[in-house]
């Protein structure tokens, strides 16, 4: 999940998320400004995620971050990671 949080006293009309310059779905027009990003559709390695926020007057502000994707192979013994956010978290092991 990718998410953009506006600063204090900032009103956003929409946020467009991009991965390596390619739109990740349509702009999100309601808070929370978030979009699911399926990393299995991306190659392993570095990618740039950008959030383009527009205010009601259509002014644009952007913010980018570089992330490294490392998808494990199905059935592999590669380590798997969980990221707990503290809300309704649980894990099961087979």
PDB file of N, CA and C in Angstrom:
ATOM      1  N   UNK A   1       0.842  -1.165   0.000  1.00  0.00           N
ATOM      2  CA  UNK A   1       0.000   0.000   0.000  1.00  0.00           C
ATOM      3  C   UNK A   1       0.890   1.231   0.000  1.00  0.00           C
ATOM      4  N   UNK A   2       0.602   2.173  -0.860  1.00  0.00           N
ATOM      5  CA  UNK A   2       1.285   3.461  -0.845  1.00  0.00           C
ATOM      6  C   UNK A   2       0.282   4.498  -0.365  1.00  0.00           C
ATOM      7  N   UNK A   3       0.766   5.496   0.366  1.00  0.00           N
ATOM      8  CA  UNK A   3      -0.128   6.487   0.959  1.00  0.00           C
ATOM      9  C   UNK A   3       0.542   7.849   0.955  1.00  0.00           C
ATOM     10  N   UNK A   4      -0.250   8.879   0.695  1.00  0.00           N
ATOM     11  CA  UNK A   4       0.208  10.261   0.769  1.00  0.00           C
ATOM     12  C   UNK A   4      -0.592  10.963   1.851  1.00  0.00           C
ATOM     13  N   UNK A   5       0.108  11.642   2.734  1.00  0.00           N
ATOM     14  CA  UNK A   5      -0.543  12.372   3.820  1.00  0.00           C
ATOM     15  C   UNK A   5      -0.249  13.855   3.646  1.00  0.00           C
ATOM     16  N   UNK A   6      -1.287  14.680   3.472  1.00  0.00           N
ATOM     17  CA  UNK A   6      -1.041  16.112   3.296  1.00  0.00           C
ATOM     18  C   UNK A   6      -0.536  16.743   4.582  1.00  0.00           C
ATOM     19  N   UNK A   7       0.205  17.832   4.428  1.00  0.00           N
ATOM     20  CA  UNK A   7       0.704  18.567   5.584  1.00  0.00           C
ATOM     21  C   UNK A   7      -0.424  19.285   6.304  1.00  0.00           C
ATOM     22  N   UNK A   8      -0.102  19.862   7.445  1.00  0.00           N
ATOM     23  CA  UNK A   8      -1.089  20.606   8.232  1.00  0.00           C
ATOM     24  C   UNK A   8      -1.653  21.753   7.394  1.00  0.00           C
ATOM     25  N   UNK A   9      -2.937  21.969   7.526  1.00  0.00           N
ATOM     26  CA  UNK A   9      -3.644  23.059   6.827  1.00  0.00           C
ATOM     27  C   UNK A   9      -3.569  22.951   5.307  1.00  0.00           C
ATOM     28  N   UNK A  10      -3.413  21.732   4.796  1.00  0.00           N
ATOM     29  CA  UNK A  10      -3.389  21.500   3.351  1.00  0.00           C
ATOM     30  C   UNK A  10      -4.607  20.674   2.979  1.00  0.00           C
ATOM     31  N   UNK A  11      -5.351  21.136   1.984  1.00  0.00           N
ATOM     32  CA  UNK A  11      -6.508  20.405   1.485  1.00  0.00           C
ATOM     33  C   UNK A  11      -6.174  19.872   0.107  1.00  0.00           C
ATOM     34  N   UNK A  12      -6.348  18.576  -0.073  1.00  0.00           N
ATOM     35  CA  UNK A  12      -6.085  17.957  -1.367  1.00  0.00           C
ATOM     36  C   UNK A  12      -7.389  17.585  -2.049  1.00  0.00           C
ATOM     37  N   UNK A  13      -7.422  17.814  -3.358  1.00  0.00           N
ATOM     38  CA  UNK A  13      -8.565  17.383  -4.162  1.00  0.00           C
ATOM     39  C   UNK A  13      -8.321  15.988  -4.719  1.00  0.00           C
ATOM     40  N   UNK A  14      -7.033  15.679  -4.992  1.00  0.00           N
ATOM     41  CA  UNK A  14      -6.702  14.361  -5.529  1.00  0.00           C
ATOM     42  C   UNK A  14      -5.213  14.093  -5.372  1.00  0.00           C
ATOM     43  N   UNK A  15      -4.876  12.802  -5.421  1.00  0.00           N
ATOM     44  CA  UNK A  15      -3.484  12.369  -5.441  1.00  0.00           C
ATOM     45  C   UNK A  15      -3.352  11.299  -6.515  1.00  0.00           C
ATOM     46  N   UNK A  16      -2.392  11.505  -7.419  1.00  0.00           N
ATOM     47  CA  UNK A  16      -2.071  10.506  -8.441  1.00  0.00           C
ATOM     48  C   UNK A  16      -0.764   9.846  -8.039  1.00  0.00           C
ATOM     49  N   UNK A  17      -0.783   8.533  -7.887  1.00  0.00           N
ATOM     50  CA  UNK A  17       0.436   7.784  -7.580  1.00  0.00           C
ATOM     51  C   UNK A  17       1.025   7.269  -8.885  1.00  0.00           C
ATOM     52  N   UNK A  18       2.357   7.304  -8.964  1.00  0.00           N
ATOM     53  CA  UNK A  18       3.066   6.802 -10.131  1.00  0.00           C
ATOM     54  C   UNK A  18       4.209   5.898  -9.669  1.00  0.00           C
ATOM     55  N   UNK A  19       4.483   4.876 -10.455  1.00  0.00           N
ATOM     56  CA  UNK A  19       5.642   4.021 -10.227  1.00  0.00           C
ATOM     57  C   UNK A  19       6.504   4.136 -11.468  1.00  0.00           C
ATOM     58  N   UNK A  20       7.702   4.647 -11.292  1.00  0.00           N
ATOM     59  CA  UNK A  20       8.631   4.867 -12.409  1.00  0.00           C
ATOM     60  C   UNK A  20       7.985   5.701 -13.512  1.00  0.00           C
ATOM     61  N   UNK A  21       7.171   6.685 -13.117  1.00  0.00           N
ATOM     62  CA  UNK A  21       6.545   7.592 -14.075  1.00  0.00           C
ATOM     63  C   UNK A  21       5.263   7.090 -14.698  1.00  0.00           C
ATOM     64  N   UNK A  22       4.840   5.884 -14.356  1.00  0.00           N
ATOM     65  CA  UNK A  22       3.615   5.299 -14.914  1.00  0.00           C
ATOM     66  C   UNK A  22       2.520   5.347 -13.856  1.00  0.00           C
ATOM     67  N   UNK A  23       1.343   5.870 -14.235  1.00  0.00           N
ATOM     68  CA  UNK A  23       0.237   6.015 -13.304  1.00  0.00           C
ATOM     69  C   UNK A  23      -0.150   4.669 -12.694  1.00  0.00           C
ATOM     70  N   UNK A  24      -0.363   4.696 -11.383  1.00  0.00           N
ATOM     71  CA  UNK A  24      -0.811   3.516 -10.641  1.00  0.00           C
ATOM     72  C   UNK A  24      -2.313   3.684 -10.413  1.00  0.00           C
ATOM     73  N   UNK A  25      -3.099   3.341 -11.432  1.00  0.00           N
ATOM     74  CA  UNK A  25      -4.545   3.520 -11.351  1.00  0.00           C
ATOM     75  C   UNK A  25      -4.942   4.967 -11.592  1.00  0.00           C
ATOM     76  N   UNK A  26      -6.176   5.277 -11.258  1.00  0.00           N
ATOM     77  CA  UNK A  26      -6.709   6.635 -11.422  1.00  0.00           C
ATOM     78  C   UNK A  26      -6.393   7.450 -10.176  1.00  0.00           C
ATOM     79  N   UNK A  27      -6.466   8.780 -10.256  1.00  0.00           N
ATOM     80  CA  UNK A  27      -6.220   9.592  -9.067  1.00  0.00           C
ATOM     81  C   UNK A  27      -7.203   9.250  -7.941  1.00  0.00           C
ATOM     82  N   UNK A  28      -6.690   9.291  -6.719  1.00  0.00           N
ATOM     83  CA  UNK A  28      -7.507   9.061  -5.529  1.00  0.00           C
ATOM     84  C   UNK A  28      -8.079  10.410  -5.111  1.00  0.00           C
ATOM     85  N   UNK A  29      -9.401  10.481  -4.944  1.00  0.00           N
ATOM     86  CA  UNK A  29     -10.042  11.771  -4.681  1.00  0.00           C
ATOM     87  C   UNK A  29     -10.601  11.912  -3.271  1.00  0.00           C
ATOM     88  N   UNK A  30     -10.419  10.900  -2.428  1.00  0.00           N
ATOM     89  CA  UNK A  30     -10.893  10.982  -1.051  1.00  0.00           C
ATOM     90  C   UNK A  30      -9.822  10.449  -0.104  1.00  0.00           C
ATOM     91  N   UNK A  31      -9.787  11.023   1.074  1.00  0.00           N
ATOM     92  CA  UNK A  31      -8.865  10.545   2.110  1.00  0.00           C
ATOM     93  C   UNK A  31      -9.394   9.230   2.670  1.00  0.00           C
ATOM     94  N   UNK A  32      -8.547   8.318   3.090  1.00  0.00           N
ATOM     95  CA  UNK A  32      -7.100   8.419   3.036  1.00  0.00           C
ATOM     96  C   UNK A  32      -6.614   8.246   1.604  1.00  0.00           C
ATOM     97  N   UNK A  33      -5.613   9.022   1.223  1.00  0.00           N
ATOM     98  CA  UNK A  33      -5.079   8.992  -0.127  1.00  0.00           C
ATOM     99  C   UNK A  33      -4.087   7.834  -0.221  1.00  0.00           C
ATOM    100  N   UNK A  34      -4.609   6.668  -0.588  1.00  0.00           N
ATOM    101  CA  UNK A  34      -3.772   5.478  -0.666  1.00  0.00           C
ATOM    102  C   UNK A  34      -4.210   4.595  -1.819  1.00  0.00           C
ATOM    103  N   UNK A  35      -3.266   3.770  -2.261  1.00  0.00           N
ATOM    104  CA  UNK A  35      -3.516   2.882  -3.396  1.00  0.00           C
ATOM    105  C   UNK A  35      -2.692   1.616  -3.180  1.00  0.00           C
ATOM    106  N   UNK A  36      -3.255   0.476  -3.535  1.00  0.00           N
ATOM    107  CA  UNK A  36      -2.544  -0.791  -3.460  1.00  0.00           C
ATOM    108  C   UNK A  36      -1.522  -0.859  -4.588  1.00  0.00           C
ATOM    109  N   UNK A  37      -0.319  -1.276  -4.261  1.00  0.00           N
ATOM    110  CA  UNK A  37       0.748  -1.448  -5.247  1.00  0.00           C
ATOM    111  C   UNK A  37       1.203  -2.903  -5.173  1.00  0.00           C
ATOM    112  N   UNK A  38       0.882  -3.684  -6.183  1.00  0.00           N
ATOM    113  CA  UNK A  38       1.237  -5.103  -6.229  1.00  0.00           C
ATOM    114  C   UNK A  38       2.671  -5.236  -6.714  1.00  0.00           C
ATOM    115  N   UNK A  39       3.603  -5.469  -5.798  1.00  0.00           N
ATOM    116  CA  UNK A  39       5.017  -5.523  -6.169  1.00  0.00           C
ATOM    117  C   UNK A  39       5.352  -6.720  -7.053  1.00  0.00           C
ATOM    118  N   UNK A  40       4.485  -7.730  -7.083  1.00  0.00           N
ATOM    119  CA  UNK A  40       4.782  -8.882  -7.943  1.00  0.00           C
ATOM    120  C   UNK A  40       4.687  -8.510  -9.418  1.00  0.00           C
ATOM    121  N   UNK A  41       4.091  -7.345  -9.722  1.00  0.00           N
ATOM    122  CA  UNK A  41       4.023  -6.877 -11.102  1.00  0.00           C
ATOM    123  C   UNK A  41       5.255  -6.060 -11.484  1.00  0.00           C
ATOM    124  N   UNK A  42       6.156  -5.833 -10.515  1.00  0.00           N
ATOM    125  CA  UNK A  42       7.366  -5.054 -10.744  1.00  0.00           C
ATOM    126  C   UNK A  42       8.582  -5.971 -10.739  1.00  0.00           C
ATOM    127  N   UNK A  43       9.604  -5.574 -11.473  1.00  0.00           N
ATOM    128  CA  UNK A  43      10.851  -6.323 -11.439  1.00  0.00           C
ATOM    129  C   UNK A  43      11.561  -6.058 -10.118  1.00  0.00           C
ATOM    130  N   UNK A  44      12.356  -7.006  -9.680  1.00  0.00           N
ATOM    131  CA  UNK A  44      13.171  -6.780  -8.497  1.00  0.00           C
ATOM    132  C   UNK A  44      14.168  -5.666  -8.790  1.00  0.00           C
ATOM    133  N   UNK A  45      14.422  -4.858  -7.778  1.00  0.00           N
ATOM    134  CA  UNK A  45      15.372  -3.763  -7.935  1.00  0.00           C
ATOM    135  C   UNK A  45      14.748  -2.437  -7.563  1.00  0.00           C
ATOM    136  N   UNK A  46      15.450  -1.333  -7.837  1.00  0.00           N
ATOM    137  CA  UNK A  46      14.974  -0.014  -7.429  1.00  0.00           C
ATOM    138  C   UNK A  46      13.837   0.501  -8.311  1.00  0.00           C
ATOM    139  N   UNK A  47      12.901   1.185  -7.679  1.00  0.00           N
ATOM    140  CA  UNK A  47      11.770   1.826  -8.355  1.00  0.00           C
ATOM    141  C   UNK A  47      11.484   3.144  -7.661  1.00  0.00           C
ATOM    142  N   UNK A  48      10.964   4.106  -8.407  1.00  0.00           N
ATOM    143  CA  UNK A  48      10.606   5.396  -7.843  1.00  0.00           C
ATOM    144  C   UNK A  48       9.089   5.497  -7.748  1.00  0.00           C
ATOM    145  N   UNK A  49       8.603   5.756  -6.535  1.00  0.00           N
ATOM    146  CA  UNK A  49       7.172   5.970  -6.306  1.00  0.00           C
ATOM    147  C   UNK A  49       6.970   7.467  -6.099  1.00  0.00           C
ATOM    148  N   UNK A  50       6.056   8.035  -6.854  1.00  0.00           N
ATOM    149  CA  UNK A  50       5.776   9.468  -6.790  1.00  0.00           C
ATOM    150  C   UNK A  50       4.311   9.685  -6.453  1.00  0.00           C
ATOM    151  N   UNK A  51       4.057  10.680  -5.608  1.00  0.00           N
ATOM    152  CA  UNK A  51       2.698  11.118  -5.312  1.00  0.00           C
ATOM    153  C   UNK A  51       2.561  12.543  -5.828  1.00  0.00           C
ATOM    154  N   UNK A  52       1.591  12.760  -6.704  1.00  0.00           N
ATOM    155  CA  UNK A  52       1.295  14.092  -7.228  1.00  0.00           C
ATOM    156  C   UNK A  52      -0.008  14.557  -6.601  1.00  0.00           C
ATOM    157  N   UNK A  53       0.083  15.512  -5.707  1.00  0.00           N
ATOM    158  CA  UNK A  53      -1.103  16.020  -5.027  1.00  0.00           C
ATOM    159  C   UNK A  53      -1.591  17.304  -5.664  1.00  0.00           C
ATOM    160  N   UNK A  54      -2.887  17.402  -5.851  1.00  0.00           N
ATOM    161  CA  UNK A  54      -3.502  18.620  -6.404  1.00  0.00           C
ATOM    162  C   UNK A  54      -4.488  19.184  -5.385  1.00  0.00           C
ATOM    163  N   UNK A  55      -4.421  20.504  -5.205  1.00  0.00           N
ATOM    164  CA  UNK A  55      -5.370  21.155  -4.310  1.00  0.00           C
ATOM    165  C   UNK A  55      -6.616  21.545  -5.109  1.00  0.00           C
ATOM    166  N   UNK A  56      -7.640  22.083  -4.444  1.00  0.00           N
ATOM    167  CA  UNK A  56      -8.867  22.436  -5.166  1.00  0.00           C
ATOM    168  C   UNK A  56      -8.667  23.464  -6.283  1.00  0.00           C
ATOM    169  N   UNK A  57      -7.565  24.245  -6.247  1.00  0.00           N
ATOM    170  CA  UNK A  57      -7.279  25.221  -7.305  1.00  0.00           C
ATOM    171  C   UNK A  57      -6.412  24.622  -8.414  1.00  0.00           C
ATOM    172  N   UNK A  58      -6.173  23.328  -8.358  1.00  0.00           N
ATOM    173  CA  UNK A  58      -5.393  22.576  -9.343  1.00  0.00           C
ATOM    174  C   UNK A  58      -3.892  22.854  -9.260  1.00  0.00           C
ATOM    175  N   UNK A  59      -3.413  23.401  -8.141  1.00  0.00           N
ATOM    176  CA  UNK A  59      -1.977  23.545  -7.926  1.00  0.00           C
ATOM    177  C   UNK A  59      -1.393  22.169  -7.645  1.00  0.00           C
ATOM    178  N   UNK A  60      -0.206  21.914  -8.176  1.00  0.00           N
ATOM    179  CA  UNK A  60       0.413  20.599  -8.089  1.00  0.00           C
ATOM    180  C   UNK A  60       1.629  20.624  -7.180  1.00  0.00           C
ATOM    181  N   UNK A  61       1.738  19.602  -6.325  1.00  0.00           N
ATOM    182  CA  UNK A  61       2.936  19.372  -5.521  1.00  0.00           C
ATOM    183  C   UNK A  61       3.280  17.897  -5.649  1.00  0.00           C
ATOM    184  N   UNK A  62       4.569  17.590  -5.730  1.00  0.00           N
ATOM    185  CA  UNK A  62       4.983  16.200  -5.872  1.00  0.00           C
ATOM    186  C   UNK A  62       5.986  15.814  -4.802  1.00  0.00           C
ATOM    187  N   UNK A  63       5.991  14.530  -4.504  1.00  0.00           N
ATOM    188  CA  UNK A  63       6.964  13.965  -3.582  1.00  0.00           C
ATOM    189  C   UNK A  63       7.293  12.570  -4.085  1.00  0.00           C
ATOM    190  N   UNK A  64       8.590  12.226  -4.052  1.00  0.00           N
ATOM    191  CA  UNK A  64       9.024  10.918  -4.556  1.00  0.00           C
ATOM    192  C   UNK A  64       9.904  10.215  -3.537  1.00  0.00           C
ATOM    193  N   UNK A  65       9.893   8.901  -3.630  1.00  0.00           N
ATOM    194  CA  UNK A  65      10.759   8.073  -2.807  1.00  0.00           C
ATOM    195  C   UNK A  65      11.226   6.902  -3.660  1.00  0.00           C
ATOM    196  N   UNK A  66      12.468   6.491  -3.451  1.00  0.00           N
ATOM    197  CA  UNK A  66      12.990   5.319  -4.152  1.00  0.00           C
ATOM    198  C   UNK A  66      12.905   4.118  -3.221  1.00  0.00           C
ATOM    199  N   UNK A  67      12.360   3.030  -3.732  1.00  0.00           N
ATOM    200  CA  UNK A  67      12.230   1.799  -2.959  1.00  0.00           C
ATOM    201  C   UNK A  67      12.915   0.675  -3.723  1.00  0.00           C
ATOM    202  N   UNK A  68      13.279  -0.374  -3.017  1.00  0.00           N
ATOM    203  CA  UNK A  68      13.857  -1.550  -3.653  1.00  0.00           C
ATOM    204  C   UNK A  68      12.885  -2.711  -3.487  1.00  0.00           C
ATOM    205  N   UNK A  69      12.456  -3.264  -4.605  1.00  0.00           N
ATOM    206  CA  UNK A  69      11.537  -4.405  -4.603  1.00  0.00           C
ATOM    207  C   UNK A  69      12.362  -5.680  -4.617  1.00  0.00           C
ATOM    208  N   UNK A  70      12.014  -6.607  -3.738  1.00  0.00           N
ATOM    209  CA  UNK A  70      12.668  -7.913  -3.713  1.00  0.00           C
ATOM    210  C   UNK A  70      11.586  -8.951  -3.453  1.00  0.00           C
ATOM    211  N   UNK A  71      10.985  -9.411  -4.527  1.00  0.00           N
ATOM    212  CA  UNK A  71       9.934 -10.422  -4.429  1.00  0.00           C
ATOM    213  C   UNK A  71      10.575 -11.795  -4.245  1.00  0.00           C
ATOM    214  N   UNK A  72      10.063 -12.572  -3.309  1.00  0.00           N
ATOM    215  CA  UNK A  72      10.529 -13.953  -3.143  1.00  0.00           C
ATOM    216  C   UNK A  72       9.908 -14.831  -4.212  1.00  0.00           C
ATOM    217  N   UNK A  73      10.574 -15.889  -4.555  1.00  0.00           N
ATOM    218  CA  UNK A  73      10.065 -16.825  -5.546  1.00  0.00           C
ATOM    219  C   UNK A  73       9.086 -17.792  -4.869  1.00  0.00           C
ATOM    220  N   UNK A  74       7.963 -18.139  -5.539  1.00  0.00           N
ATOM    221  CA  UNK A  74       7.019 -19.085  -4.956  1.00  0.00           C
ATOM    222  C   UNK A  74       7.711 -20.395  -4.601  1.00  0.00           C
ATOM    223  N   UNK A  75       7.466 -20.871  -3.403  1.00  0.00           N
ATOM    224  CA  UNK A  75       8.036 -22.132  -2.961  1.00  0.00           C
ATOM    225  C   UNK A  75       9.493 -22.041  -2.552  1.00  0.00           C
ATOM    226  N   UNK A  76      10.046 -20.840  -2.558  1.00  0.00           N
ATOM    227  CA  UNK A  76      11.457 -20.707  -2.216  1.00  0.00           C
ATOM    228  C   UNK A  76      11.636 -20.683  -0.702  1.00  0.00           C
ATOM    229  N   UNK A  77      12.872 -20.785  -0.306  1.00  0.00           N
ATOM    230  CA  UNK A  77      13.189 -20.687   1.118  1.00  0.00           C
ATOM    231  C   UNK A  77      13.681 -19.288   1.459  1.00  0.00           C
ATOM    232  N   UNK A  78      13.506 -18.341   0.512  1.00  0.00           N
ATOM    233  CA  UNK A  78      13.879 -16.951   0.789  1.00  0.00           C
ATOM    234  C   UNK A  78      13.108 -16.457   2.008  1.00  0.00           C
ATOM    235  N   UNK A  79      13.713 -15.566   2.779  1.00  0.00           N
ATOM    236  CA  UNK A  79      12.980 -15.038   3.937  1.00  0.00           C
ATOM    237  C   UNK A  79      11.745 -14.266   3.507  1.00  0.00           C
ATOM    238  N   UNK A  80      10.737 -14.316   4.321  1.00  0.00           N
ATOM    239  CA  UNK A  80       9.502 -13.565   4.093  1.00  0.00           C
ATOM    240  C   UNK A  80       9.363 -12.580   5.238  1.00  0.00           C
ATOM    241  N   UNK A  81       8.863 -11.407   4.934  1.00  0.00           N
ATOM    242  CA  UNK A  81       8.774 -10.351   5.937  1.00  0.00           C
ATOM    243  C   UNK A  81       7.336  -9.913   6.125  1.00  0.00           C
ATOM    244  N   UNK A  82       7.015  -9.575   7.363  1.00  0.00           N
ATOM    245  CA  UNK A  82       5.716  -9.019   7.707  1.00  0.00           C
ATOM    246  C   UNK A  82       5.943  -7.642   8.285  1.00  0.00           C
ATOM    247  N   UNK A  83       5.065  -6.718   7.933  1.00  0.00           N
ATOM    248  CA  UNK A  83       5.139  -5.367   8.471  1.00  0.00           C
ATOM    249  C   UNK A  83       3.854  -5.122   9.239  1.00  0.00           C
ATOM    250  N   UNK A  84       3.957  -5.056  10.564  1.00  0.00           N
ATOM    251  CA  UNK A  84       2.783  -4.868  11.402  1.00  0.00           C
ATOM    252  C   UNK A  84       2.557  -3.391  11.656  1.00  0.00           C
ATOM    253  N   UNK A  85       1.308  -2.954  11.495  1.00  0.00           N
ATOM    254  CA  UNK A  85       1.002  -1.553  11.728  1.00  0.00           C
ATOM    255  C   UNK A  85       0.372  -1.301  13.086  1.00  0.00           C
ATOM    256  N   UNK A  86       0.159  -2.344  13.888  1.00  0.00           N
ATOM    257  CA  UNK A  86      -0.392  -2.175  15.217  1.00  0.00           C
ATOM    258  C   UNK A  86      -1.913  -2.184  15.274  1.00  0.00           C
ATOM    259  N   UNK A  87      -2.564  -2.420  14.139  1.00  0.00           N
ATOM    260  CA  UNK A  87      -4.031  -2.449  14.097  1.00  0.00           C
ATOM    261  C   UNK A  87      -4.455  -3.824  13.601  1.00  0.00           C
ATOM    262  N   UNK A  88      -5.131  -4.586  14.442  1.00  0.00           N
ATOM    263  CA  UNK A  88      -5.653  -5.908  14.072  1.00  0.00           C
ATOM    264  C   UNK A  88      -4.583  -6.811  13.482  1.00  0.00           C
ATOM    265  N   UNK A  89      -3.362  -6.764  14.040  1.00  0.00           N
ATOM    266  CA  UNK A  89      -2.258  -7.569  13.528  1.00  0.00           C
ATOM    267  C   UNK A  89      -2.302  -8.988  14.103  1.00  0.00           C
ATOM    268  N   UNK A  90      -1.999  -9.958  13.245  1.00  0.00           N
ATOM    269  CA  UNK A  90      -1.809 -11.315  13.699  1.00  0.00           C
ATOM    270  C   UNK A  90      -1.038 -12.057  12.636  1.00  0.00           C
ATOM    271  N   UNK A  91      -0.446 -13.155  13.022  1.00  0.00           N
ATOM    272  CA  UNK A  91       0.292 -13.962  12.071  1.00  0.00           C
ATOM    273  C   UNK A  91       0.094 -15.433  12.377  1.00  0.00           C
ATOM    274  N   UNK A  92       0.123 -16.237  11.341  1.00  0.00           N
ATOM    275  CA  UNK A  92      -0.024 -17.676  11.490  1.00  0.00           C
ATOM    276  C   UNK A  92       1.163 -18.351  10.824  1.00  0.00           C
ATOM    277  N   UNK A  93       1.645 -19.387  11.407  1.00  0.00           N
ATOM    278  CA  UNK A  93       2.739 -20.158  10.805  1.00  0.00           C
ATOM    279  C   UNK A  93       2.261 -21.586  10.579  1.00  0.00           C
ATOM    280  N   UNK A  94       2.647 -22.127   9.445  1.00  0.00           N
ATOM    281  CA  UNK A  94       2.231 -23.495   9.125  1.00  0.00           C
ATOM    282  C   UNK A  94       3.298 -24.473   9.570  1.00  0.00           C
TER     283      UNK A  94
END
